[in-house]
Amino acid sequence: MWNEPYLETCCRSALHRLKLSGHDGRPAHVPDAPCLNRLSHMGLARSEENDRFILTGAGDARHRTEILKLPA
């Protein structure tokens, strides 16, 4: 049974770009900032003091299952 909130295509792309950015994260002032904010509200990302978004553990797990299609 699916019990996670749905991610729009644009937010799935933002999640993947966030994963690719590694420990440096993504700047807060990029075109996909609305999706990064949405991911942050869902607990999949967090906003750092230096105006950058970083992937959380939950975001990493969601990336594995939704983007990479790996088992949970």
PDB file of N, CA and C in Angstrom:
ATOM      1  N   MET A   1       0.848  -1.185   0.000  1.00  0.00           N
ATOM      2  CA  MET A   1       0.000   0.000   0.000  1.00  0.00           C
ATOM      3  C   MET A   1       0.885   1.237   0.000  1.00  0.00           C
ATOM      4  N   TRP A   2       0.508   2.193  -0.828  1.00  0.00           N
ATOM      5  CA  TRP A   2       1.255   3.432  -0.943  1.00  0.00           C
ATOM      6  C   TRP A   2       0.803   4.385   0.164  1.00  0.00           C
ATOM      7  N   ASN A   3       1.738   4.791   1.030  1.00  0.00           N
ATOM      8  CA  ASN A   3       1.352   5.662   2.141  1.00  0.00           C
ATOM      9  C   ASN A   3       2.195   6.930   2.206  1.00  0.00           C
ATOM     10  N   GLU A   4       2.944   7.242   1.138  1.00  0.00           N
ATOM     11  CA  GLU A   4       3.753   8.452   1.113  1.00  0.00           C
ATOM     12  C   GLU A   4       3.050   9.507   0.272  1.00  0.00           C
ATOM     13  N   PRO A   5       3.261  10.792   0.583  1.00  0.00           N
ATOM     14  CA  PRO A   5       2.665  11.848  -0.233  1.00  0.00           C
ATOM     15  C   PRO A   5       3.201  11.794  -1.669  1.00  0.00           C
ATOM     16  N   TYR A   6       2.338  12.108  -2.604  1.00  0.00           N
ATOM     17  CA  TYR A   6       2.705  12.096  -4.015  1.00  0.00           C
ATOM     18  C   TYR A   6       3.693  13.217  -4.315  1.00  0.00           C
ATOM     19  N   LEU A   7       4.692  12.927  -5.137  1.00  0.00           N
ATOM     20  CA  LEU A   7       5.633  13.941  -5.600  1.00  0.00           C
ATOM     21  C   LEU A   7       5.351  14.229  -7.069  1.00  0.00           C
ATOM     22  N   GLU A   8       5.111  15.495  -7.392  1.00  0.00           N
ATOM     23  CA  GLU A   8       4.952  15.899  -8.788  1.00  0.00           C
ATOM     24  C   GLU A   8       6.251  15.614  -9.535  1.00  0.00           C
ATOM     25  N   THR A   9       6.168  15.547 -10.838  1.00  0.00           N
ATOM     26  CA  THR A   9       7.339  15.283 -11.670  1.00  0.00           C
ATOM     27  C   THR A   9       8.442  16.306 -11.409  1.00  0.00           C
ATOM     28  N   CYS A  10       8.076  17.572 -11.281  1.00  0.00           N
ATOM     29  CA  CYS A  10       9.082  18.609 -11.048  1.00  0.00           C
ATOM     30  C   CYS A  10       9.774  18.408  -9.696  1.00  0.00           C
ATOM     31  N   CYS A  11       9.046  17.955  -8.701  1.00  0.00           N
ATOM     32  CA  CYS A  11       9.627  17.733  -7.379  1.00  0.00           C
ATOM     33  C   CYS A  11      10.506  16.484  -7.360  1.00  0.00           C
ATOM     34  N   ARG A  12      10.127  15.471  -8.141  1.00  0.00           N
ATOM     35  CA  ARG A  12      10.993  14.292  -8.258  1.00  0.00           C
ATOM     36  C   ARG A  12      12.311  14.680  -8.912  1.00  0.00           C
ATOM     37  N   SER A  13      12.250  15.542  -9.913  1.00  0.00           N
ATOM     38  CA  SER A  13      13.470  16.028 -10.565  1.00  0.00           C
ATOM     39  C   SER A  13      14.317  16.836  -9.595  1.00  0.00           C
ATOM     40  N   ALA A  14      13.671  17.683  -8.799  1.00  0.00           N
ATOM     41  CA  ALA A  14      14.398  18.487  -7.805  1.00  0.00           C
ATOM     42  C   ALA A  14      15.044  17.576  -6.758  1.00  0.00           C
ATOM     43  N   LEU A  15      14.342  16.512  -6.368  1.00  0.00           N
ATOM     44  CA  LEU A  15      14.898  15.557  -5.408  1.00  0.00           C
ATOM     45  C   LEU A  15      16.144  14.895  -5.994  1.00  0.00           C
ATOM     46  N   HIS A  16      16.096  14.544  -7.264  1.00  0.00           N
ATOM     47  CA  HIS A  16      17.245  13.919  -7.904  1.00  0.00           C
ATOM     48  C   HIS A  16      18.420  14.904  -8.005  1.00  0.00           C
ATOM     49  N   ARG A  17      18.148  16.143  -8.390  1.00  0.00           N
ATOM     50  CA  ARG A  17      19.219  17.150  -8.452  1.00  0.00           C
ATOM     51  C   ARG A  17      19.807  17.399  -7.069  1.00  0.00           C
ATOM     52  N   LEU A  18      18.965  17.362  -6.055  1.00  0.00           N
ATOM     53  CA  LEU A  18      19.450  17.546  -4.682  1.00  0.00           C
ATOM     54  C   LEU A  18      20.368  16.397  -4.292  1.00  0.00           C
ATOM     55  N   LYS A  19      20.021  15.185  -4.675  1.00  0.00           N
ATOM     56  CA  LYS A  19      20.872  14.023  -4.398  1.00  0.00           C
ATOM     57  C   LYS A  19      22.210  14.160  -5.125  1.00  0.00           C
ATOM     58  N   LEU A  20      22.168  14.595  -6.367  1.00  0.00           N
ATOM     59  CA  LEU A  20      23.388  14.759  -7.156  1.00  0.00           C
ATOM     60  C   LEU A  20      24.301  15.855  -6.613  1.00  0.00           C
ATOM     61  N   SER A  21      23.723  16.826  -5.920  1.00  0.00           N
ATOM     62  CA  SER A  21      24.522  17.948  -5.407  1.00  0.00           C
ATOM     63  C   SER A  21      25.380  17.547  -4.207  1.00  0.00           C
ATOM     64  N   GLY A  22      25.084  16.393  -3.601  1.00  0.00           N
ATOM     65  CA  GLY A  22      25.905  15.893  -2.503  1.00  0.00           C
ATOM     66  C   GLY A  22      25.860  16.764  -1.263  1.00  0.00           C
ATOM     67  N   HIS A  23      26.985  16.836  -0.563  1.00  0.00           N
ATOM     68  CA  HIS A  23      27.045  17.565   0.706  1.00  0.00           C
ATOM     69  C   HIS A  23      26.970  19.074   0.524  1.00  0.00           C
ATOM     70  N   ASP A  24      27.258  19.563  -0.673  1.00  0.00           N
ATOM     71  CA  ASP A  24      27.198  21.005  -0.924  1.00  0.00           C
ATOM     72  C   ASP A  24      25.769  21.509  -0.980  1.00  0.00           C
ATOM     73  N   GLY A  25      24.845  20.658  -1.350  1.00  0.00           N
ATOM     74  CA  GLY A  25      23.449  21.041  -1.420  1.00  0.00           C
ATOM     75  C   GLY A  25      23.142  21.896  -2.637  1.00  0.00           C
ATOM     76  N   ARG A  26      21.901  22.387  -2.687  1.00  0.00           N
ATOM     77  CA  ARG A  26      21.443  23.246  -3.785  1.00  0.00           C
ATOM     78  C   ARG A  26      21.169  24.631  -3.244  1.00  0.00           C
ATOM     79  N   PRO A  27      21.507  25.662  -4.010  1.00  0.00           N
ATOM     80  CA  PRO A  27      21.216  27.021  -3.571  1.00  0.00           C
ATOM     81  C   PRO A  27      19.711  27.237  -3.450  1.00  0.00           C
ATOM     82  N   ALA A  28      19.337  28.139  -2.577  1.00  0.00           N
ATOM     83  CA  ALA A  28      17.914  28.424  -2.362  1.00  0.00           C
ATOM     84  C   ALA A  28      17.326  29.276  -3.481  1.00  0.00           C
ATOM     85  N   HIS A  29      18.162  29.892  -4.280  1.00  0.00           N
ATOM     86  CA  HIS A  29      17.681  30.809  -5.321  1.00  0.00           C
ATOM     87  C   HIS A  29      17.923  30.228  -6.708  1.00  0.00           C
ATOM     88  N   VAL A  30      17.301  29.095  -6.973  1.00  0.00           N
ATOM     89  CA  VAL A  30      17.364  28.438  -8.268  1.00  0.00           C
ATOM     90  C   VAL A  30      15.931  28.284  -8.784  1.00  0.00           C
ATOM     91  N   PRO A  31      15.760  28.013 -10.072  1.00  0.00           N
ATOM     92  CA  PRO A  31      14.398  27.885 -10.602  1.00  0.00           C
ATOM     93  C   PRO A  31      13.534  26.829  -9.908  1.00  0.00           C
ATOM     94  N   ASP A  32      14.153  25.778  -9.362  1.00  0.00           N
ATOM     95  CA  ASP A  32      13.346  24.748  -8.691  1.00  0.00           C
ATOM     96  C   ASP A  32      13.180  25.002  -7.194  1.00  0.00           C
ATOM     97  N   ALA A  33      13.393  26.221  -6.756  1.00  0.00           N
ATOM     98  CA  ALA A  33      13.246  26.581  -5.337  1.00  0.00           C
ATOM     99  C   ALA A  33      11.861  26.244  -4.770  1.00  0.00           C
ATOM    100  N   PRO A  34      10.755  26.450  -5.515  1.00  0.00           N
ATOM    101  CA  PRO A  34       9.457  26.057  -4.955  1.00  0.00           C
ATOM    102  C   PRO A  34       9.388  24.570  -4.621  1.00  0.00           C
ATOM    103  N   CYS A  35       9.990  23.743  -5.465  1.00  0.00           N
ATOM    104  CA  CYS A  35      10.006  22.302  -5.189  1.00  0.00           C
ATOM    105  C   CYS A  35      10.909  21.985  -4.007  1.00  0.00           C
ATOM    106  N   LEU A  36      12.036  22.674  -3.912  1.00  0.00           N
ATOM    107  CA  LEU A  36      12.927  22.460  -2.767  1.00  0.00           C
ATOM    108  C   LEU A  36      12.229  22.840  -1.468  1.00  0.00           C
ATOM    109  N   ASN A  37      11.453  23.908  -1.492  1.00  0.00           N
ATOM    110  CA  ASN A  37      10.670  24.295  -0.311  1.00  0.00           C
ATOM    111  C   ASN A  37       9.634  23.230   0.020  1.00  0.00           C
ATOM    112  N   ARG A  38       8.976  22.694  -1.010  1.00  0.00           N
ATOM    113  CA  ARG A  38       7.992  21.632  -0.811  1.00  0.00           C
ATOM    114  C   ARG A  38       8.656  20.400  -0.214  1.00  0.00           C
ATOM    115  N   LEU A  39       9.823  20.037  -0.743  1.00  0.00           N
ATOM    116  CA  LEU A  39      10.556  18.881  -0.216  1.00  0.00           C
ATOM    117  C   LEU A  39      10.960  19.121   1.235  1.00  0.00           C
ATOM    118  N   SER A  40      11.311  20.348   1.546  1.00  0.00           N
ATOM    119  CA  SER A  40      11.685  20.697   2.916  1.00  0.00           C
ATOM    120  C   SER A  40      10.495  20.543   3.868  1.00  0.00           C
ATOM    121  N   HIS A  41       9.329  20.990   3.429  1.00  0.00           N
ATOM    122  CA  HIS A  41       8.121  20.855   4.267  1.00  0.00           C
ATOM    123  C   HIS A  41       7.719  19.401   4.461  1.00  0.00           C
ATOM    124  N   MET A  42       8.115  18.548   3.512  1.00  0.00           N
ATOM    125  CA  MET A  42       7.804  17.120   3.610  1.00  0.00           C
ATOM    126  C   MET A  42       8.862  16.370   4.408  1.00  0.00           C
ATOM    127  N   GLY A  43       9.942  17.055   4.809  1.00  0.00           N
ATOM    128  CA  GLY A  43      10.995  16.414   5.584  1.00  0.00           C
ATOM    129  C   GLY A  43      12.027  15.692   4.730  1.00  0.00           C
ATOM    130  N   LEU A  44      11.981  15.895   3.415  1.00  0.00           N
ATOM    131  CA  LEU A  44      12.916  15.223   2.521  1.00  0.00           C
ATOM    132  C   LEU A  44      14.179  16.049   2.293  1.00  0.00           C
ATOM    133  N   ALA A  45      14.126  17.303   2.655  1.00  0.00           N
ATOM    134  CA  ALA A  45      15.273  18.214   2.539  1.00  0.00           C
ATOM    135  C   ALA A  45      15.237  19.142   3.737  1.00  0.00           C
ATOM    136  N   ARG A  46      16.339  19.823   3.950  1.00  0.00           N
ATOM    137  CA  ARG A  46      16.357  20.847   5.010  1.00  0.00           C
ATOM    138  C   ARG A  46      17.123  22.044   4.497  1.00  0.00           C
ATOM    139  N   SER A  47      16.724  23.194   4.991  1.00  0.00           N
ATOM    140  CA  SER A  47      17.367  24.439   4.596  1.00  0.00           C
ATOM    141  C   SER A  47      18.490  24.747   5.577  1.00  0.00           C
ATOM    142  N   GLU A  48      19.669  24.998   5.046  1.00  0.00           N
ATOM    143  CA  GLU A  48      20.834  25.310   5.873  1.00  0.00           C
ATOM    144  C   GLU A  48      20.944  26.823   6.067  1.00  0.00           C
ATOM    145  N   GLU A  49      21.759  27.231   7.019  1.00  0.00           N
ATOM    146  CA  GLU A  49      21.941  28.650   7.321  1.00  0.00           C
ATOM    147  C   GLU A  49      22.551  29.413   6.161  1.00  0.00           C
ATOM    148  N   ASN A  50      23.279  28.739   5.281  1.00  0.00           N
ATOM    149  CA  ASN A  50      23.933  29.399   4.162  1.00  0.00           C
ATOM    150  C   ASN A  50      23.049  29.455   2.911  1.00  0.00           C
ATOM    151  N   ASP A  51      21.739  29.414   3.094  1.00  0.00           N
ATOM    152  CA  ASP A  51      20.767  29.469   1.993  1.00  0.00           C
ATOM    153  C   ASP A  51      20.952  28.349   0.974  1.00  0.00           C
ATOM    154  N   ARG A  52      21.188  27.159   1.473  1.00  0.00           N
ATOM    155  CA  ARG A  52      21.306  25.979   0.612  1.00  0.00           C
ATOM    156  C   ARG A  52      20.428  24.871   1.185  1.00  0.00           C
ATOM    157  N   PHE A  53      19.900  24.052   0.309  1.00  0.00           N
ATOM    158  CA  PHE A  53      19.097  22.903   0.712  1.00  0.00           C
ATOM    159  C   PHE A  53      19.956  21.657   0.692  1.00  0.00           C
ATOM    160  N   ILE A  54      19.788  20.827   1.712  1.00  0.00           N
ATOM    161  CA  ILE A  54      20.524  19.583   1.881  1.00  0.00           C
ATOM    162  C   ILE A  54      19.525  18.433   1.964  1.00  0.00           C
ATOM    163  N   LEU A  55      19.866  17.298   1.387  1.00  0.00           N
ATOM    164  CA  LEU A  55      19.031  16.107   1.433  1.00  0.00           C
ATOM    165  C   LEU A  55      19.055  15.515   2.843  1.00  0.00           C
ATOM    166  N   THR A  56      17.900  15.121   3.355  1.00  0.00           N
ATOM    167  CA  THR A  56      17.818  14.462   4.663  1.00  0.00           C
ATOM    168  C   THR A  56      17.875  12.940   4.465  1.00  0.00           C
ATOM    169  N   GLY A  57      17.933  12.217   5.551  1.00  0.00           N
ATOM    170  CA  GLY A  57      17.897  10.759   5.480  1.00  0.00           C
ATOM    171  C   GLY A  57      16.606  10.263   4.846  1.00  0.00           C
ATOM    172  N   ALA A  58      15.500  10.902   5.194  1.00  0.00           N
ATOM    173  CA  ALA A  58      14.218  10.525   4.596  1.00  0.00           C
ATOM    174  C   ALA A  58      14.211  10.819   3.101  1.00  0.00           C
ATOM    175  N   GLY A  59      14.840  11.917   2.715  1.00  0.00           N
ATOM    176  CA  GLY A  59      14.937  12.264   1.295  1.00  0.00           C
ATOM    177  C   GLY A  59      15.793  11.273   0.537  1.00  0.00           C
ATOM    178  N   ASP A  60      16.865  10.827   1.154  1.00  0.00           N
ATOM    179  CA  ASP A  60      17.732   9.838   0.541  1.00  0.00           C
ATOM    180  C   ASP A  60      16.975   8.520   0.348  1.00  0.00           C
ATOM    181  N   ALA A  61      16.218   8.113   1.361  1.00  0.00           N
ATOM    182  CA  ALA A  61      15.421   6.886   1.267  1.00  0.00           C
ATOM    183  C   ALA A  61      14.360   7.017   0.174  1.00  0.00           C
ATOM    184  N   ARG A  62      13.718   8.171   0.098  1.00  0.00           N
ATOM    185  CA  ARG A  62      12.684   8.389  -0.931  1.00  0.00           C
ATOM    186  C   ARG A  62      13.311   8.380  -2.323  1.00  0.00           C
ATOM    187  N   HIS A  63      14.504   8.931  -2.451  1.00  0.00           N
ATOM    188  CA  HIS A  63      15.209   8.922  -3.728  1.00  0.00           C
ATOM    189  C   HIS A  63      15.500   7.486  -4.161  1.00  0.00           C
ATOM    190  N   ARG A  64      15.932   6.661  -3.211  1.00  0.00           N
ATOM    191  CA  ARG A  64      16.231   5.253  -3.522  1.00  0.00           C
ATOM    192  C   ARG A  64      14.999   4.528  -4.055  1.00  0.00           C
ATOM    193  N   THR A  65      13.854   4.725  -3.422  1.00  0.00           N
ATOM    194  CA  THR A  65      12.664   3.969  -3.812  1.00  0.00           C
ATOM    195  C   THR A  65      11.935   4.578  -5.005  1.00  0.00           C
ATOM    196  N   GLU A  66      11.878   5.895  -5.093  1.00  0.00           N
ATOM    197  CA  GLU A  66      11.081   6.530  -6.137  1.00  0.00           C
ATOM    198  C   GLU A  66      11.879   6.848  -7.402  1.00  0.00           C
ATOM    199  N   ILE A  67      13.121   7.240  -7.262  1.00  0.00           N
ATOM    200  CA  ILE A  67      13.927   7.609  -8.428  1.00  0.00           C
ATOM    201  C   ILE A  67      14.719   6.399  -8.935  1.00  0.00           C
ATOM    202  N   LEU A  68      15.434   5.744  -8.034  1.00  0.00           N
ATOM    203  CA  LEU A  68      16.258   4.604  -8.428  1.00  0.00           C
ATOM    204  C   LEU A  68      15.475   3.305  -8.533  1.00  0.00           C
ATOM    205  N   LYS A  69      14.249   3.295  -7.987  1.00  0.00           N
ATOM    206  CA  LYS A  69      13.371   2.110  -8.008  1.00  0.00           C
ATOM    207  C   LYS A  69      13.990   0.912  -7.306  1.00  0.00           C
ATOM    208  N   LEU A  70      14.736   1.166  -6.233  1.00  0.00           N
ATOM    209  CA  LEU A  70      15.316   0.091  -5.428  1.00  0.00           C
ATOM    210  C   LEU A  70      14.342  -0.305  -4.336  1.00  0.00           C
ATOM    211  N   PRO A  71      14.417  -1.537  -3.846  1.00  0.00           N
ATOM    212  CA  PRO A  71      13.530  -1.936  -2.754  1.00  0.00           C
ATOM    213  C   PRO A  71      13.810  -1.140  -1.480  1.00  0.00           C
ATOM    214  N   ALA A  72      12.800  -0.977  -0.692  1.00  0.00           N
ATOM    215  CA  ALA A  72      12.925  -0.186   0.555  1.00  0.00           C
ATOM    216  C   ALA A  72      13.825  -0.809   1.566  1.00  0.00           C
TER     217      ALA A  72
END
